Amino acid sequence: MAAKKLRGENLSNRRLAREVALRALFQVDVGQGHPEEALAYNIQELGVSEPAADFARMLVRGTLKHLSEIDALISQYTVGWSLERLPRTDRVVLRLAVFELDKLRDQVPVAVAINEAVELAKIYGDETSGRFVNGILSSIASVLNRTDDSERDKPSVPEAIQ
């Protein structure tokens, strides 16, 4: 999984953390790594700060913890496509973003979660990935109950990168 454009030095800590998380989740998805090992490798490879590394760890652990719930939600909106048939990059980007949209909704604005996912899809996916991811995430975001916190297990974002 190689980036299609260079990462600028001015990327936010969160953007870089999302990239670390995406790369680690991709490695796990293809069966080439244990989550913690994939995280450690990508944290070192991308040279992220400790607060960004903490955010990346939380994204990966949270996405994997809620994977069946996330996959079920995504599957409702990928009409005509099983989750397994989606391009791997698109699937991983969607999983990561749905975790943010659902479990971090009080800490990450909807527009930010979607925009960041679209940017990652454009960098790591094909020419249609950005539009596809945007459409699916917009649909999911529009139906998620943004105010019901009763049954939600929400990790907190490390303060240093808020």
Protein backbone atom coordinates (compact mmCIF):
# COMPACT_ATOMS: atom_id res chain seq x y z
CA MET A 1 0.00 0.00 0.00
CA ALA A 2 1.86 3.05 -1.20
CA ALA A 3 0.85 6.69 -1.02
CA LYS A 4 0.12 8.33 -4.36
CA LYS A 5 1.40 11.70 -3.24
CA LEU A 6 3.96 12.84 -0.75
CA ARG A 7 2.89 13.68 2.75
CA GLY A 8 3.58 17.31 3.48
CA GLU A 9 5.43 18.30 6.60
CA ASN A 10 2.54 20.57 7.58
CA LEU A 11 0.03 17.75 7.99
CA SER A 12 -1.82 17.87 11.24
CA ASN A 13 -1.04 15.34 13.94
CA ARG A 14 -4.48 13.84 13.50
CA ARG A 15 -4.11 13.45 9.76
CA LEU A 16 -0.83 11.65 10.23
CA ALA A 17 -2.36 9.54 13.00
CA ARG A 18 -5.18 8.56 10.65
CA GLU A 19 -2.64 7.59 8.03
CA VAL A 20 -0.80 5.42 10.56
CA ALA A 21 -4.11 3.83 11.56
CA LEU A 22 -5.12 3.22 7.94
CA ARG A 23 -1.81 1.58 7.10
CA ALA A 24 -1.89 -0.59 10.23
CA LEU A 25 -5.52 -1.64 9.63
CA PHE A 26 -4.65 -2.44 6.02
CA GLN A 27 -1.81 -4.69 7.15
CA VAL A 28 -4.12 -6.45 9.58
CA ASP A 29 -6.80 -6.81 6.87
CA VAL A 30 -4.42 -8.55 4.49
CA GLY A 31 -3.25 -10.82 7.29
CA GLN A 32 0.28 -9.46 7.34
CA GLY A 33 0.47 -8.31 10.88
CA HIS A 34 -0.75 -8.22 14.41
CA PRO A 35 -2.40 -4.86 15.18
CA GLU A 36 0.19 -3.79 17.76
CA GLU A 37 3.09 -4.75 15.52
CA ALA A 38 1.54 -2.99 12.54
CA LEU A 39 1.00 0.11 14.66
CA ALA A 40 4.56 0.10 15.96
CA TYR A 41 5.98 -0.31 12.48
CA ASN A 42 3.88 2.51 10.97
CA ILE A 43 4.43 4.85 13.90
CA GLN A 44 8.16 4.47 13.41
CA GLU A 45 7.98 4.53 9.61
CA LEU A 46 6.02 7.79 9.53
CA GLY A 47 7.84 9.30 12.50
CA VAL A 48 4.77 10.55 14.33
CA SER A 49 4.71 12.37 17.65
CA GLU A 50 3.63 10.51 20.77
CA PRO A 51 0.22 12.27 20.92
CA ALA A 52 -0.40 11.31 17.28
CA ALA A 53 0.75 7.76 18.01
CA ASP A 54 -1.73 7.60 20.92
CA PHE A 55 -4.54 8.76 18.62
CA ALA A 56 -3.54 6.19 15.98
CA ARG A 57 -3.51 3.42 18.60
CA MET A 58 -6.95 4.45 19.81
CA LEU A 59 -8.29 4.50 16.22
CA VAL A 60 -6.93 1.04 15.41
CA ARG A 61 -7.94 -0.58 18.69
CA GLY A 62 -11.39 1.00 18.58
CA THR A 63 -12.00 0.07 14.97
CA LEU A 64 -11.01 -3.53 15.61
CA LYS A 65 -13.00 -3.71 18.85
CA HIS A 66 -16.18 -2.62 17.06
CA LEU A 67 -15.40 -4.26 13.70
CA SER A 68 -18.50 -6.44 13.42
CA GLU A 69 -20.77 -3.53 14.30
CA ILE A 70 -18.93 -1.23 11.87
CA ASP A 71 -19.01 -3.81 9.07
CA ALA A 72 -22.74 -4.37 9.56
CA LEU A 73 -23.36 -0.64 9.26
CA ILE A 74 -21.20 -0.27 6.15
CA SER A 75 -22.90 -3.28 4.56
CA GLN A 76 -26.26 -1.53 4.80
CA TYR A 77 -25.00 1.18 2.44
CA THR A 78 -22.89 -0.74 -0.05
CA VAL A 79 -25.89 -1.84 -2.08
CA GLY A 80 -24.98 -4.50 -4.58
CA TRP A 81 -21.53 -4.99 -3.08
CA SER A 82 -20.56 -7.33 -0.29
CA LEU A 83 -17.98 -5.94 2.08
CA GLU A 84 -15.50 -8.56 0.86
CA ARG A 85 -15.85 -7.37 -2.75
CA LEU A 86 -15.00 -3.76 -1.96
CA PRO A 87 -11.48 -2.65 -2.80
CA ARG A 88 -9.45 -3.33 0.33
CA THR A 89 -8.33 0.28 0.71
CA ASP A 90 -11.88 1.60 0.46
CA ARG A 91 -13.07 -0.97 3.00
CA VAL A 92 -10.36 -0.04 5.49
CA VAL A 93 -10.93 3.71 5.04
CA LEU A 94 -14.66 3.21 5.57
CA ARG A 95 -14.10 1.17 8.72
CA LEU A 96 -11.80 3.77 10.20
CA ALA A 97 -14.15 6.65 9.37
CA VAL A 98 -17.27 4.89 10.64
CA PHE A 99 -15.50 4.31 13.94
CA GLU A 100 -14.84 8.05 14.15
CA LEU A 101 -18.35 8.99 13.04
CA ASP A 102 -20.00 6.69 15.54
CA LYS A 103 -17.72 6.35 18.53
CA LEU A 104 -15.93 9.72 18.48
CA ARG A 105 -18.89 11.84 17.42
CA ASP A 106 -18.55 14.21 20.38
CA GLN A 107 -14.86 14.77 19.67
CA VAL A 108 -14.55 14.71 15.88
CA PRO A 109 -16.93 16.78 13.74
CA VAL A 110 -18.78 14.82 11.06
CA ALA A 111 -17.37 16.94 8.24
CA VAL A 112 -13.82 16.43 9.50
CA ALA A 113 -14.18 12.64 9.78
CA ILE A 114 -15.63 12.44 6.26
CA ASN A 115 -13.15 14.86 4.69
CA GLU A 116 -10.16 13.11 6.25
CA ALA A 117 -11.43 9.72 5.04
CA VAL A 118 -11.97 11.07 1.53
CA GLU A 119 -8.43 12.46 1.46
CA LEU A 120 -6.98 9.13 2.56
CA ALA A 121 -9.09 7.34 -0.05
CA LYS A 122 -7.78 9.68 -2.75
CA ILE A 123 -4.17 9.12 -1.68
CA TYR A 124 -4.30 5.35 -1.19
CA GLY A 125 -7.23 4.27 -3.37
CA ASP A 126 -8.01 4.51 -7.04
CA GLU A 127 -9.53 7.37 -9.01
CA THR A 128 -13.07 6.61 -7.83
CA SER A 129 -12.29 5.90 -4.18
CA GLY A 130 -12.78 9.45 -2.91
CA ARG A 131 -16.26 9.80 -4.40
CA PHE A 132 -17.28 6.32 -3.31
CA VAL A 133 -16.10 6.81 0.29
CA ASN A 134 -17.74 10.24 0.45
CA GLY A 135 -21.09 8.87 -0.71
CA ILE A 136 -21.14 5.95 1.71
CA LEU A 137 -19.97 8.01 4.69
CA SER A 138 -22.42 10.83 3.97
CA SER A 139 -25.27 8.32 3.97
CA ILE A 140 -24.10 6.70 7.18
CA ALA A 141 -23.55 10.05 8.91
CA SER A 142 -27.04 11.21 7.99
CA VAL A 143 -28.66 8.31 9.84
CA LEU A 144 -26.42 7.96 12.86
CA ASN A 145 -28.15 9.29 15.90
CA ARG A 146 -25.80 12.08 16.90
CA THR A 147 -27.36 12.64 20.32
CA ASP A 148 -27.97 9.19 21.82
CA ASP A 149 -25.01 8.44 24.06
CA SER A 150 -26.69 5.84 26.26
CA GLU A 151 -25.20 2.68 24.71
CA ARG A 152 -22.00 4.11 23.24
CA ASP A 153 -18.52 3.05 24.22
CA LYS A 154 -16.54 6.18 23.38
CA PRO A 155 -12.80 6.36 23.92
CA SER A 156 -11.35 9.76 24.56
CA VAL A 157 -9.02 11.50 22.15
CA PRO A 158 -5.64 12.34 23.64
CA GLU A 159 -5.77 16.00 24.69
CA ALA A 160 -2.45 16.93 23.14
CA ILE A 161 -3.85 16.51 19.62
CA GLN A 162 -7.36 17.88 20.05
